[in-house]
PDB file of N, CA and C in Angstrom:
ATOM      1  N   MET A   1       1.055  -1.502   0.179  1.00  0.00           N
ATOM      2  CA  MET A   1      -0.021  -0.195  -0.223  1.00  0.00           C
ATOM      3  C   MET A   1       0.889   1.870  -0.095  1.00  0.00           C
ATOM      4  N   LEU A   2       0.614   2.259  -0.576  1.00  0.00           N
ATOM      5  CA  LEU A   2       1.116   3.311  -1.081  1.00  0.00           C
ATOM      6  C   LEU A   2       0.669   4.578   0.133  1.00  0.00           C
ATOM      7  N   VAL A   3       1.763   5.318   1.053  1.00  0.00           N
ATOM      8  CA  VAL A   3       1.369   6.144   1.454  1.00  0.00           C
ATOM      9  C   VAL A   3       1.613   7.427   1.285  1.00  0.00           C
ATOM     10  N   MET A   4       0.606   8.196   0.555  1.00  0.00           N
ATOM     11  CA  MET A   4       1.434   9.569   0.397  1.00  0.00           C
ATOM     12  C   MET A   4       0.977  10.927   1.571  1.00  0.00           C
ATOM     13  N   THR A   5       2.084  11.521   1.770  1.00  0.00           N
ATOM     14  CA  THR A   5       1.914  12.652   2.612  1.00  0.00           C
ATOM     15  C   THR A   5       2.088  14.055   1.762  1.00  0.00           C
ATOM     16  N   THR A   6       1.543  14.847   2.425  1.00  0.00           N
ATOM     17  CA  THR A   6       1.842  16.257   1.368  1.00  0.00           C
ATOM     18  C   THR A   6       2.532  17.141   2.922  1.00  0.00           C
ATOM     19  N   LEU A   7       3.824  17.963   1.812  1.00  0.00           N
ATOM     20  CA  LEU A   7       4.887  18.273   2.727  1.00  0.00           C
ATOM     21  C   LEU A   7       3.990  19.912   2.675  1.00  0.00           C
ATOM     22  N   LYS A   8       4.455  20.822   3.568  1.00  0.00           N
ATOM     23  CA  LYS A   8       3.850  22.124   3.375  1.00  0.00           C
ATOM     24  C   LYS A   8       5.253  23.178   3.289  1.00  0.00           C
ATOM     25  N   LEU A   9       5.784  23.674   2.250  1.00  0.00           N
ATOM     26  CA  LEU A   9       6.552  24.770   1.962  1.00  0.00           C
ATOM     27  C   LEU A   9       6.369  26.101   2.723  1.00  0.00           C
ATOM     28  N   THR A  10       7.959  26.443   3.717  1.00  0.00           N
ATOM     29  CA  THR A  10       7.328  27.435   4.242  1.00  0.00           C
ATOM     30  C   THR A  10       9.034  28.636   4.441  1.00  0.00           C
ATOM     31  N   ALA A  11       8.824  29.272   4.795  1.00  0.00           N
ATOM     32  CA  ALA A  11       9.705  30.489   4.683  1.00  0.00           C
ATOM     33  C   ALA A  11      10.686  30.259   5.970  1.00  0.00           C
ATOM     34  N   VAL A  12      11.854  29.970   6.223  1.00  0.00           N
ATOM     35  CA  VAL A  12      12.870  30.253   7.392  1.00  0.00           C
ATOM     36  C   VAL A  12      14.019  30.993   6.884  1.00  0.00           C
ATOM     37  N   GLY A  13      13.932  31.908   7.208  1.00  0.00           N
ATOM     38  CA  GLY A  13      14.801  33.089   6.973  1.00  0.00           C
ATOM     39  C   GLY A  13      15.159  32.816   5.305  1.00  0.00           C
ATOM     40  N   THR A  14      16.080  33.445   4.259  1.00  0.00           N
ATOM     41  CA  THR A  14      16.021  33.830   3.454  1.00  0.00           C
ATOM     42  C   THR A  14      16.075  32.113   2.665  1.00  0.00           C
ATOM     43  N   SER A  15      16.067  31.106   3.147  1.00  0.00           N
ATOM     44  CA  SER A  15      15.797  29.587   2.944  1.00  0.00           C
ATOM     45  C   SER A  15      14.212  29.537   2.644  1.00  0.00           C
ATOM     46  N   THR A  16      13.961  28.333   2.355  1.00  0.00           N
ATOM     47  CA  THR A  16      12.730  27.847   2.295  1.00  0.00           C
ATOM     48  C   THR A  16      12.881  26.127   3.069  1.00  0.00           C
ATOM     49  N   GLY A  17      11.826  26.015   3.857  1.00  0.00           N
ATOM     50  CA  GLY A  17      11.616  24.665   4.588  1.00  0.00           C
ATOM     51  C   GLY A  17      10.616  23.904   4.078  1.00  0.00           C
ATOM     52  N   ALA A  18      10.682  22.588   4.780  1.00  0.00           N
ATOM     53  CA  ALA A  18       9.331  22.119   4.737  1.00  0.00           C
ATOM     54  C   ALA A  18       8.538  21.015   5.856  1.00  0.00           C
ATOM     55  N   VAL A  19       7.542  21.246   6.657  1.00  0.00           N
ATOM     56  CA  VAL A  19       7.222  20.881   7.790  1.00  0.00           C
ATOM     57  C   VAL A  19       6.900  19.553   7.211  1.00  0.00           C
ATOM     58  N   ILE A  20       7.149  18.525   8.419  1.00  0.00           N
ATOM     59  CA  ILE A  20       7.117  17.291   8.263  1.00  0.00           C
ATOM     60  C   ILE A  20       6.362  16.410   9.398  1.00  0.00           C
ATOM     61  N   PRO A  21       4.968  16.150   9.313  1.00  0.00           N
ATOM     62  CA  PRO A  21       4.355  16.036   9.973  1.00  0.00           C
ATOM     63  C   PRO A  21       5.058  14.639  10.738  1.00  0.00           C
ATOM     64  N   LYS A  22       4.550  14.839  12.392  1.00  0.00           N
ATOM     65  CA  LYS A  22       4.767  14.788  13.238  1.00  0.00           C
ATOM     66  C   LYS A  22       4.598  12.926  13.285  1.00  0.00           C
ATOM     67  N   GLU A  23       3.603  12.593  12.262  1.00  0.00           N
ATOM     68  CA  GLU A  23       3.502  10.548  12.115  1.00  0.00           C
ATOM     69  C   GLU A  23       4.566  10.515  11.357  1.00  0.00           C
ATOM     70  N   MET A  24       4.656  11.458   9.896  1.00  0.00           N
ATOM     71  CA  MET A  24       6.143  10.947   9.174  1.00  0.00           C
ATOM     72  C   MET A  24       7.944  10.695  10.334  1.00  0.00           C
ATOM     73  N   LEU A  25       7.676  12.134  11.039  1.00  0.00           N
ATOM     74  CA  LEU A  25       9.193  12.034  11.748  1.00  0.00           C
ATOM     75  C   LEU A  25       9.016  10.935  12.691  1.00  0.00           C
ATOM     76  N   THR A  26       7.924  10.144  13.338  1.00  0.00           N
ATOM     77  CA  THR A  26       7.873   9.066  13.823  1.00  0.00           C
ATOM     78  C   THR A  26       7.935   7.643  13.267  1.00  0.00           C
ATOM     79  N   ARG A  27       7.483   7.395  11.792  1.00  0.00           N
ATOM     80  CA  ARG A  27       7.890   6.499  11.118  1.00  0.00           C
ATOM     81  C   ARG A  27       9.290   6.587  10.963  1.00  0.00           C
ATOM     82  N   LEU A  28       9.900   7.451  10.384  1.00  0.00           N
ATOM     83  CA  LEU A  28      11.118   7.548  10.335  1.00  0.00           C
ATOM     84  C   LEU A  28      12.632   7.818  11.254  1.00  0.00           C
ATOM     85  N   LYS A  29      12.116   7.703  12.545  1.00  0.00           N
ATOM     86  CA  LYS A  29      12.433   7.807  14.166  1.00  0.00           C
ATOM     87  C   LYS A  29      13.263   8.773  13.875  1.00  0.00           C
ATOM     88  N   VAL A  30      12.873  10.204  13.761  1.00  0.00           N
ATOM     89  CA  VAL A  30      14.014  11.177  13.735  1.00  0.00           C
ATOM     90  C   VAL A  30      13.082  12.091  14.871  1.00  0.00           C
ATOM     91  N   ALA A  31      14.119  13.018  15.014  1.00  0.00           N
ATOM     92  CA  ALA A  31      13.316  14.500  15.714  1.00  0.00           C
ATOM     93  C   ALA A  31      14.272  15.601  15.238  1.00  0.00           C
ATOM     94  N   LYS A  32      13.650  16.635  16.130  1.00  0.00           N
ATOM     95  CA  LYS A  32      14.116  18.173  15.674  1.00  0.00           C
ATOM     96  C   LYS A  32      15.647  17.901  16.061  1.00  0.00           C
ATOM     97  N   GLY A  33      16.600  18.521  15.216  1.00  0.00           N
ATOM     98  CA  GLY A  33      17.963  18.392  15.539  1.00  0.00           C
ATOM     99  C   GLY A  33      18.457  17.273  14.421  1.00  0.00           C
ATOM    100  N   ASP A  34      17.424  16.044  14.243  1.00  0.00           N
ATOM    101  CA  ASP A  34      18.545  15.206  13.965  1.00  0.00           C
ATOM    102  C   ASP A  34      18.498  15.636  12.211  1.00  0.00           C
ATOM    103  N   THR A  35      19.357  14.358  11.317  1.00  0.00           N
ATOM    104  CA  THR A  35      19.638  15.080  10.083  1.00  0.00           C
ATOM    105  C   THR A  35      19.027  14.070   8.990  1.00  0.00           C
ATOM    106  N   LEU A  36      18.624  14.512   8.234  1.00  0.00           N
ATOM    107  CA  LEU A  36      18.288  13.407   7.066  1.00  0.00           C
ATOM    108  C   LEU A  36      18.660  13.786   5.737  1.00  0.00           C
ATOM    109  N   TYR A  37      18.799  12.801   4.895  1.00  0.00           N
ATOM    110  CA  TYR A  37      19.364  12.921   3.670  1.00  0.00           C
ATOM    111  C   TYR A  37      18.340  12.781   2.416  1.00  0.00           C
ATOM    112  N   ALA A  38      18.718  13.546   1.449  1.00  0.00           N
ATOM    113  CA  ALA A  38      17.962  13.434   0.409  1.00  0.00           C
ATOM    114  C   ALA A  38      18.608  12.655  -1.164  1.00  0.00           C
ATOM    115  N   ILE A  39      18.156  11.792  -1.326  1.00  0.00           N
ATOM    116  CA  ILE A  39      19.153  11.074  -2.184  1.00  0.00           C
ATOM    117  C   ILE A  39      18.239  11.395  -3.448  1.00  0.00           C
ATOM    118  N   GLU A  40      18.686  11.481  -4.545  1.00  0.00           N
ATOM    119  CA  GLU A  40      18.336  11.751  -5.556  1.00  0.00           C
ATOM    120  C   GLU A  40      18.128  10.198  -6.574  1.00  0.00           C
ATOM    121  N   THR A  41      17.087   9.954  -6.882  1.00  0.00           N
ATOM    122  CA  THR A  41      17.072   8.661  -7.519  1.00  0.00           C
ATOM    123  C   THR A  41      15.843   8.808  -8.944  1.00  0.00           C
ATOM    124  N   PRO A  42      15.958   8.064  -9.764  1.00  0.00           N
ATOM    125  CA  PRO A  42      15.238   8.061 -10.955  1.00  0.00           C
ATOM    126  C   PRO A  42      13.883   8.330 -11.004  1.00  0.00           C
ATOM    127  N   ASP A  43      13.051   8.659  -9.583  1.00  0.00           N
ATOM    128  CA  ASP A  43      12.238   8.529  -9.712  1.00  0.00           C
ATOM    129  C   ASP A  43      11.511   9.732  -8.599  1.00  0.00           C
ATOM    130  N   GLY A  44      12.763  10.153  -8.262  1.00  0.00           N
ATOM    131  CA  GLY A  44      12.334  11.541  -7.340  1.00  0.00           C
ATOM    132  C   GLY A  44      13.539  11.296  -6.102  1.00  0.00           C
ATOM    133  N   TYR A  45      12.958  11.996  -5.269  1.00  0.00           N
ATOM    134  CA  TYR A  45      14.144  12.022  -3.762  1.00  0.00           C
ATOM    135  C   TYR A  45      13.575  10.871  -2.983  1.00  0.00           C
ATOM    136  N   LEU A  46      14.433  10.632  -1.511  1.00  0.00           N
ATOM    137  CA  LEU A  46      14.485   9.527  -1.509  1.00  0.00           C
ATOM    138  C   LEU A  46      15.082  10.584   0.016  1.00  0.00           C
ATOM    139  N   LEU A  47      14.147  10.640   0.787  1.00  0.00           N
ATOM    140  CA  LEU A  47      14.385  10.930   2.407  1.00  0.00           C
ATOM    141  C   LEU A  47      14.443   9.905   3.443  1.00  0.00           C
ATOM    142  N   THR A  48      16.016  10.060   4.023  1.00  0.00           N
ATOM    143  CA  THR A  48      16.185   9.035   5.053  1.00  0.00           C
ATOM    144  C   THR A  48      17.325   9.406   5.791  1.00  0.00           C
ATOM    145  N   PRO A  49      16.523   9.243   6.937  1.00  0.00           N
ATOM    146  CA  PRO A  49      17.694   9.243   8.220  1.00  0.00           C
ATOM    147  C   PRO A  49      19.078   8.526   8.239  1.00  0.00           C
ATOM    148  N   TYR A  50      19.526   7.820   6.709  1.00  0.00           N
ATOM    149  CA  TYR A  50      20.609   6.851   6.933  1.00  0.00           C
ATOM    150  C   TYR A  50      21.359   7.698   6.041  1.00  0.00           C
ATOM    151  N   ASP A  51      23.077   8.216   6.461  1.00  0.00           N
ATOM    152  CA  ASP A  51      23.901   8.459   5.562  1.00  0.00           C
ATOM    153  C   ASP A  51      24.201   7.407   4.923  1.00  0.00           C
ATOM    154  N   PRO A  52      24.122   7.714   3.162  1.00  0.00           N
ATOM    155  CA  PRO A  52      24.430   6.313   2.092  1.00  0.00           C
ATOM    156  C   PRO A  52      25.944   6.423   1.815  1.00  0.00           C
ATOM    157  N   SER A  53      26.947   7.513   2.752  1.00  0.00           N
ATOM    158  CA  SER A  53      28.271   6.987   2.133  1.00  0.00           C
ATOM    159  C   SER A  53      28.484   6.515   3.552  1.00  0.00           C
ATOM    160  N   ILE A  54      27.951   5.795   4.789  1.00  0.00           N
ATOM    161  CA  ILE A  54      27.951   4.690   5.925  1.00  0.00           C
ATOM    162  C   ILE A  54      28.125   3.604   4.795  1.00  0.00           C
ATOM    163  N   SER A  55      27.132   3.324   4.224  1.00  0.00           N
ATOM    164  CA  SER A  55      26.765   2.011   3.862  1.00  0.00           C
ATOM    165  C   SER A  55      27.881   1.282   2.693  1.00  0.00           C
ATOM    166  N   GLU A  56      28.254   2.801   1.961  1.00  0.00           N
ATOM    167  CA  GLU A  56      29.306   2.602   1.303  1.00  0.00           C
ATOM    168  C   GLU A  56      30.872   2.127   1.880  1.00  0.00           C
ATOM    169  N   GLN A  57      30.576   2.550   2.947  1.00  0.00           N
ATOM    170  CA  GLN A  57      31.772   2.090   3.728  1.00  0.00           C
ATOM    171  C   GLN A  57      31.616   0.983   4.313  1.00  0.00           C
ATOM    172  N   LEU A  58      30.779   0.554   5.210  1.00  0.00           N
ATOM    173  CA  LEU A  58      30.804  -0.435   5.491  1.00  0.00           C
ATOM    174  C   LEU A  58      30.838  -1.944   4.799  1.00  0.00           C
ATOM    175  N   LYS A  59      30.635  -1.675   3.350  1.00  0.00           N
ATOM    176  CA  LYS A  59      30.676  -2.501   1.838  1.00  0.00           C
ATOM    177  C   LYS A  59      32.015  -2.578   2.024  1.00  0.00           C
ATOM    178  N   ALA A  60      32.828  -1.468   1.814  1.00  0.00           N
ATOM    179  CA  ALA A  60      34.141  -1.777   1.755  1.00  0.00           C
ATOM    180  C   ALA A  60      34.916  -2.466   2.782  1.00  0.00           C
ATOM    181  N   GLY A  61      34.776  -2.165   4.026  1.00  0.00           N
ATOM    182  CA  GLY A  61      34.935  -3.102   5.039  1.00  0.00           C
ATOM    183  C   GLY A  61      34.633  -4.197   5.110  1.00  0.00           C
ATOM    184  N   GLU A  62      33.667  -4.638   4.797  1.00  0.00           N
ATOM    185  CA  GLU A  62      33.409  -6.036   4.400  1.00  0.00           C
ATOM    186  C   GLU A  62      34.365  -7.118   3.755  1.00  0.00           C
ATOM    187  N   GLU A  63      34.196  -5.839   2.386  1.00  0.00           N
ATOM    188  CA  GLU A  63      35.138  -6.825   1.508  1.00  0.00           C
ATOM    189  C   GLU A  63      36.497  -7.049   2.076  1.00  0.00           C
ATOM    190  N   PHE A  64      37.247  -6.023   2.489  1.00  0.00           N
ATOM    191  CA  PHE A  64      38.338  -6.136   2.924  1.00  0.00           C
ATOM    192  C   PHE A  64      38.513  -7.008   4.319  1.00  0.00           C
ATOM    193  N   MET A  65      37.820  -7.322   5.025  1.00  0.00           N
ATOM    194  CA  MET A  65      37.573  -8.415   6.154  1.00  0.00           C
ATOM    195  C   MET A  65      37.381  -9.579   5.385  1.00  0.00           C
ATOM    196  N   LYS A  66      36.790  -9.844   4.425  1.00  0.00           N
ATOM    197  CA  LYS A  66      36.893 -11.308   3.703  1.00  0.00           C
ATOM    198  C   LYS A  66      37.899 -11.334   3.040  1.00  0.00           C
ATOM    199  N   GLU A  67      38.603 -10.252   2.608  1.00  0.00           N
ATOM    200  CA  GLU A  67      39.966 -10.363   1.869  1.00  0.00           C
ATOM    201  C   GLU A  67      40.672 -11.328   2.517  1.00  0.00           C
ATOM    202  N   TYR A  68      41.034 -10.533   4.066  1.00  0.00           N
ATOM    203  CA  TYR A  68      41.876 -10.660   4.963  1.00  0.00           C
ATOM    204  C   TYR A  68      41.344 -11.614   5.997  1.00  0.00           C
ATOM    205  N   ARG A  69      40.199 -12.518   5.621  1.00  0.00           N
ATOM    206  CA  ARG A  69      39.701 -13.363   6.810  1.00  0.00           C
ATOM    207  C   ARG A  69      40.596 -13.995   7.894  1.00  0.00           C
ATOM    208  N   ASP A  70      41.527 -14.628   6.910  1.00  0.00           N
ATOM    209  CA  ASP A  70      42.422 -15.727   7.780  1.00  0.00           C
ATOM    210  C   ASP A  70      43.177 -14.739   8.632  1.00  0.00           C
ATOM    211  N   THR A  71      43.577 -13.704   8.674  1.00  0.00           N
ATOM    212  CA  THR A  71      44.180 -12.848   9.186  1.00  0.00           C
ATOM    213  C   THR A  71      43.722 -12.357  10.581  1.00  0.00           C
ATOM    214  N   PHE A  72      42.304 -11.808  10.163  1.00  0.00           N
ATOM    215  CA  PHE A  72      41.436 -11.600  11.597  1.00  0.00           C
ATOM    216  C   PHE A  72      41.303 -12.771  12.480  1.00  0.00           C
ATOM    217  N   LYS A  73      40.821 -13.891  11.918  1.00  0.00           N
ATOM    218  CA  LYS A  73      40.628 -15.403  13.148  1.00  0.00           C
ATOM    219  C   LYS A  73      42.270 -15.288  13.690  1.00  0.00           C
ATOM    220  N   ALA A  74      42.876 -15.021  12.846  1.00  0.00           N
ATOM    221  CA  ALA A  74      44.145 -14.883  13.994  1.00  0.00           C
ATOM    222  C   ALA A  74      44.534 -14.035  15.019  1.00  0.00           C
ATOM    223  N   LEU A  75      44.126 -12.950  14.452  1.00  0.00           N
ATOM    224  CA  LEU A  75      44.251 -11.910  15.722  1.00  0.00           C
ATOM    225  C   LEU A  75      43.207 -11.636  16.756  1.00  0.00           C
ATOM    226  N   ALA A  76      42.006 -12.497  16.087  1.00  0.00           N
ATOM    227  CA  ALA A  76      41.017 -12.987  17.320  1.00  0.00           C
ATOM    228  C   ALA A  76      41.128 -13.897  18.382  1.00  0.00           C
ATOM    229  N   GLU A  77      42.334 -15.148  18.185  1.00  0.00           N
ATOM    230  CA  GLU A  77      42.617 -16.096  19.012  1.00  0.00           C
ATOM    231  C   GLU A  77      43.555 -15.299  20.173  1.00  0.00           C
TER     232      GLU A  77
END
């Protein structure tokens, strides 16, 4: 089921901000002062509280650990 939420744009100083409803903040598990990331996709923008660069770093770390699996096993002993 597709859920659609309308965001109201408002003036914030010389910029423009979006008012995010409380229900949406709860579902995103964010609060005032948290950071949201806007990721451009072929279908538009995706708002997420997860930093996409961390995902890339974790993937690189997993590949590194897989390559040196024997070394990490020896270090763990």
